[in-house]
Amino acid sequence: MRNRLMRAASAAVAVSGVLMAAGCAAAAGSGTSGRAASALLPAVQAAVKSARSVHITGSVTSGSQAITLDVSFVGNGGLAGTMAVNGASFGLLTRSGQTYIKVNAAFLQAAKAPAAACMTICGKFVEVPAADAQTITGALSMRGLIQKMFGQIPASARRSSVQFTPGTYDGRPALRFSHDGYTLEVAGKGTPYPLAISGRNGEYLDFSDWNDATLPPAPTASQLVKLSELG
């Protein structure tokens, strides 16, 4: 059962990598007025590199799989939230170097675990061994997600003729960069950190609580169940 649980969690996190695909393509667009991308993009990348925390929500499809992400990232490796693949959701919490999974019946079904196991584990946190935790969360990090989005800016986006245009996003001043079905929104006042990015097939990443996201406390003993207890 332990191996099935780890495979299910690892597959969900690995498949979330397609959330970054829109990010690399979004920076290839052009506009008609506003701030030049050649001047603004370095400031956006600097904000990304110095980010201390952020909350990211996202939705994307990959073939027949529908993936959603609702996770806060704090510091170097801390995270908390939920992921779901085709409705099979599970909670994740990593803090102080320890990773926990909060599971439900849908996740156990995806892991091909006995339904009876839900009586023991559903609603509780599984304490994940370090080796398994790296497999599950190693590719899921704040800097990993964001840097992959902005780390391969095409040369066309650095031309002075390419523009961010002024507008609003969720009621906030924003600068927008759109082309070929992709849109990148960054804060229009102060530090130009990313607000959202969307792709041509409905995929998106939304950023909130920039440098202000927090993590919940670690589970108490009564909220924990060890993998060794599950057989």
Protein backbone atom coordinates (compact mmCIF):
# COMPACT_ATOMS: atom_id res chain seq x y z
CA MET A 1 0.00 0.00 0.00
CA ARG A 2 2.86 2.39 0.79
CA ASN A 3 4.25 2.05 -2.74
CA ARG A 4 0.82 2.66 -4.31
CA LEU A 5 0.33 5.78 -2.20
CA MET A 6 3.72 7.14 -3.20
CA ARG A 7 3.18 6.37 -6.88
CA ALA A 8 -0.19 8.14 -6.88
CA ALA A 9 1.22 11.23 -5.21
CA SER A 10 4.32 11.29 -7.40
CA ALA A 11 2.27 10.96 -10.59
CA ALA A 12 0.06 13.88 -9.59
CA VAL A 13 3.02 16.13 -8.88
CA ALA A 14 4.85 15.10 -12.04
CA VAL A 15 1.83 15.77 -14.20
CA SER A 16 1.54 19.25 -12.68
CA GLY A 17 4.66 20.14 -14.63
CA VAL A 18 2.49 20.90 -17.65
CA LEU A 19 1.25 23.94 -15.73
CA MET A 20 4.54 25.60 -16.64
CA ALA A 21 4.11 25.16 -20.40
CA ALA A 22 1.99 28.26 -20.78
CA GLY A 23 4.54 30.34 -18.93
CA CYS A 24 7.39 29.83 -21.36
CA ALA A 25 5.22 30.67 -24.35
CA ALA A 26 3.39 33.64 -22.88
CA ALA A 27 6.38 35.94 -23.05
CA ALA A 28 6.53 35.82 -26.84
CA GLY A 29 3.79 38.37 -27.49
CA SER A 30 3.51 42.01 -28.43
CA GLY A 31 1.25 44.95 -27.68
CA THR A 32 0.62 48.49 -28.82
CA SER A 33 1.39 50.72 -25.82
CA GLY A 34 2.69 50.69 -22.25
CA ARG A 35 6.05 49.64 -20.87
CA ALA A 36 8.59 47.92 -23.05
CA ALA A 37 9.10 44.25 -22.24
CA SER A 38 12.85 44.71 -22.65
CA ALA A 39 12.79 47.04 -19.62
CA LEU A 40 10.06 45.37 -17.53
CA LEU A 41 10.91 41.67 -17.85
CA PRO A 42 14.22 41.94 -15.94
CA ALA A 43 12.34 43.56 -13.04
CA VAL A 44 9.72 40.78 -13.12
CA GLN A 45 12.45 38.14 -13.07
CA ALA A 46 14.19 39.91 -10.17
CA ALA A 47 10.92 39.88 -8.20
CA VAL A 48 10.55 36.15 -8.88
CA LYS A 49 14.09 35.37 -7.73
CA SER A 50 13.68 37.31 -4.49
CA ALA A 51 10.19 36.00 -3.66
CA ARG A 52 9.85 34.75 -0.07
CA SER A 53 6.37 33.23 -0.41
CA VAL A 54 3.37 33.03 -2.73
CA HIS A 55 0.07 31.23 -3.12
CA ILE A 56 -0.47 29.59 -6.51
CA THR A 57 -3.73 28.23 -7.89
CA GLY A 58 -3.92 26.63 -11.29
CA SER A 59 -5.87 24.46 -13.66
CA VAL A 60 -4.72 22.59 -16.74
CA THR A 61 -5.52 19.55 -18.84
CA SER A 62 -3.01 17.03 -20.14
CA GLY A 63 -4.60 14.55 -22.52
CA SER A 64 -7.41 12.98 -20.54
CA GLN A 65 -6.13 14.32 -17.22
CA ALA A 66 -7.51 17.42 -15.50
CA ILE A 67 -5.08 18.84 -12.96
CA THR A 68 -5.73 21.51 -10.36
CA LEU A 69 -3.29 23.09 -7.93
CA ASP A 70 -4.01 25.22 -4.84
CA VAL A 71 -0.77 25.52 -2.88
CA SER A 72 1.07 28.07 -0.73
CA PHE A 73 4.86 28.11 -1.00
CA VAL A 74 6.98 29.57 1.79
CA GLY A 75 10.76 29.87 1.89
CA ASN A 76 12.99 27.12 0.58
CA GLY A 77 10.82 24.01 0.42
CA GLY A 78 7.85 24.84 2.63
CA LEU A 79 4.44 24.24 1.05
CA ALA A 80 0.84 23.56 1.97
CA GLY A 81 -2.31 23.01 -0.04
CA THR A 82 -4.13 20.56 -2.27
CA MET A 83 -3.67 18.94 -5.67
CA ALA A 84 -6.14 16.95 -7.71
CA VAL A 85 -5.86 14.82 -10.84
CA ASN A 86 -9.20 13.86 -12.42
CA GLY A 87 -10.90 14.54 -9.11
CA ALA A 88 -8.48 12.44 -7.02
CA SER A 89 -7.33 15.06 -4.54
CA PHE A 90 -4.93 15.03 -1.66
CA GLY A 91 -3.45 17.56 0.71
CA LEU A 92 0.25 18.30 1.00
CA LEU A 93 2.18 19.93 3.83
CA THR A 94 5.95 20.34 3.99
CA ARG A 95 7.52 22.31 6.80
CA SER A 96 10.74 22.06 8.80
CA GLY A 97 11.96 19.39 6.39
CA GLN A 98 9.04 17.02 7.04
CA THR A 99 6.35 16.17 4.47
CA TYR A 100 2.81 15.02 5.19
CA ILE A 101 0.02 13.89 2.87
CA LYS A 102 -3.62 14.39 3.83
CA VAL A 103 -5.67 11.88 1.90
CA ASN A 104 -9.30 11.13 1.16
CA ALA A 105 -11.30 8.33 -0.44
CA ALA A 106 -10.71 9.61 -3.99
CA PHE A 107 -6.95 9.59 -3.53
CA LEU A 108 -6.98 6.10 -2.00
CA GLN A 109 -9.01 4.88 -4.96
CA ALA A 110 -6.45 6.38 -7.36
CA ALA A 111 -3.72 4.63 -5.38
CA LYS A 112 -5.66 1.32 -5.72
CA ALA A 113 -5.70 1.01 -1.96
CA PRO A 114 -8.40 -1.04 -0.19
CA ALA A 115 -11.52 1.01 0.47
CA ALA A 116 -11.44 -0.13 4.08
CA ALA A 117 -8.21 1.82 4.54
CA CYS A 118 -10.26 5.02 4.51
CA MET A 119 -11.49 4.21 7.99
CA THR A 120 -7.90 4.54 9.20
CA ILE A 121 -6.38 7.21 7.02
CA CYS A 122 -9.01 9.52 5.51
CA GLY A 123 -8.87 12.98 7.03
CA LYS A 124 -5.51 12.30 8.65
CA PHE A 125 -1.95 13.05 7.64
CA VAL A 126 0.51 10.42 6.53
CA GLU A 127 4.05 11.18 7.64
CA VAL A 128 6.18 10.59 4.54
CA PRO A 129 9.77 9.27 4.81
CA ALA A 130 12.41 11.66 3.48
CA ALA A 131 13.27 9.54 0.41
CA ASP A 132 9.62 9.35 -0.64
CA ALA A 133 9.03 13.02 0.15
CA GLN A 134 11.73 14.07 -2.30
CA THR A 135 10.04 12.00 -5.01
CA ILE A 136 6.69 13.66 -4.31
CA THR A 137 7.63 17.30 -3.70
CA GLY A 138 11.06 17.60 -5.33
CA ALA A 139 9.60 19.08 -8.53
CA LEU A 140 6.97 21.12 -6.71
CA SER A 141 8.52 24.31 -5.35
CA MET A 142 7.84 28.01 -5.53
CA ARG A 143 11.07 28.89 -7.30
CA GLY A 144 10.93 25.79 -9.48
CA LEU A 145 7.46 26.60 -10.78
CA ILE A 146 8.07 30.29 -11.33
CA GLN A 147 11.60 30.12 -12.68
CA LYS A 148 10.58 27.56 -15.28
CA MET A 149 7.88 29.97 -16.35
CA PHE A 150 10.24 32.92 -16.80
CA GLY A 151 13.59 31.27 -17.35
CA GLN A 152 13.26 30.82 -21.11
CA ILE A 153 12.06 34.20 -22.32
CA PRO A 154 12.29 34.24 -26.15
CA ALA A 155 14.56 36.82 -27.76
CA SER A 156 11.50 38.42 -29.40
CA ALA A 157 10.21 39.42 -25.96
CA ARG A 158 13.34 41.43 -25.28
CA ARG A 159 12.90 43.71 -28.28
CA SER A 160 12.04 47.29 -27.40
CA SER A 161 8.97 47.12 -29.67
CA VAL A 162 7.30 44.48 -27.51
CA GLN A 163 5.04 46.09 -24.91
CA PHE A 164 3.17 45.43 -21.68
CA THR A 165 -0.14 47.31 -21.87
CA PRO A 166 -1.86 48.90 -18.82
CA GLY A 167 -5.08 47.45 -17.46
CA THR A 168 -6.50 45.79 -14.35
CA TYR A 169 -6.52 42.25 -12.97
CA ASP A 170 -8.94 41.25 -10.21
CA GLY A 171 -9.52 44.93 -9.51
CA ARG A 172 -5.81 45.74 -9.21
CA PRO A 173 -3.68 47.86 -11.57
CA ALA A 174 -1.84 45.50 -13.90
CA LEU A 175 0.37 45.39 -16.95
CA ARG A 176 -0.65 42.82 -19.54
CA PHE A 177 1.38 40.94 -22.09
CA SER A 178 -0.72 38.95 -24.62
CA HIS A 179 -0.07 37.04 -27.80
CA ASP A 180 -1.36 33.96 -29.60
CA GLY A 181 -3.77 32.98 -26.84
CA TYR A 182 -1.30 33.47 -23.97
CA THR A 183 -1.53 36.26 -21.40
CA LEU A 184 0.85 37.33 -18.63
CA GLU A 185 -0.34 39.81 -15.98
CA VAL A 186 2.07 41.59 -13.63
CA ALA A 187 1.46 44.13 -10.87
CA GLY A 188 1.01 47.61 -12.32
CA LYS A 189 2.21 49.46 -9.21
CA GLY A 190 5.30 48.92 -7.11
CA THR A 191 7.28 45.74 -7.67
CA PRO A 192 6.13 44.13 -10.95
CA TYR A 193 5.55 40.63 -9.60
CA PRO A 194 3.40 38.18 -11.61
CA LEU A 195 -0.34 38.14 -10.94
CA ALA A 196 -1.47 35.48 -13.40
CA ILE A 197 -0.61 33.63 -16.55
CA SER A 198 -3.01 31.85 -18.88
CA GLY A 199 -2.70 29.71 -22.00
CA ARG A 200 -4.64 29.12 -25.17
CA ASN A 201 -6.34 25.93 -23.92
CA GLY A 202 -7.76 27.35 -20.70
CA GLU A 203 -4.78 26.54 -18.49
CA TYR A 204 -3.81 29.18 -15.96
CA LEU A 205 -1.72 30.00 -12.91
CA ASP A 206 -2.91 32.66 -10.48
CA PHE A 207 -0.55 34.23 -7.91
CA SER A 208 -1.69 35.78 -4.64
CA ASP A 209 -0.29 36.56 -1.17
CA TRP A 210 3.01 37.56 -2.81
CA ASN A 211 5.62 37.53 -0.01
CA ASP A 212 2.74 37.17 2.45
CA ALA A 213 1.73 33.46 2.29
CA THR A 214 2.00 31.34 5.44
CA LEU A 215 1.93 27.65 6.37
CA PRO A 216 -0.37 25.92 8.85
CA PRO A 217 1.20 24.22 11.88
CA ALA A 218 2.47 20.65 11.68
CA PRO A 219 -0.13 17.96 12.41
CA THR A 220 -0.56 16.92 16.00
CA ALA A 221 -0.01 13.33 17.09
CA SER A 222 -3.75 12.65 16.94
CA GLN A 223 -3.84 13.82 13.31
CA LEU A 224 -1.04 11.53 12.18
CA VAL A 225 -0.98 7.98 10.89
CA LYS A 226 2.31 6.33 9.94
CA LEU A 227 2.79 4.37 6.73
CA SER A 228 4.16 1.49 8.76
CA GLU A 229 0.79 1.18 10.49
CA LEU A 230 -0.97 0.67 7.15
CA GLY A 231 0.92 -2.39 6.04
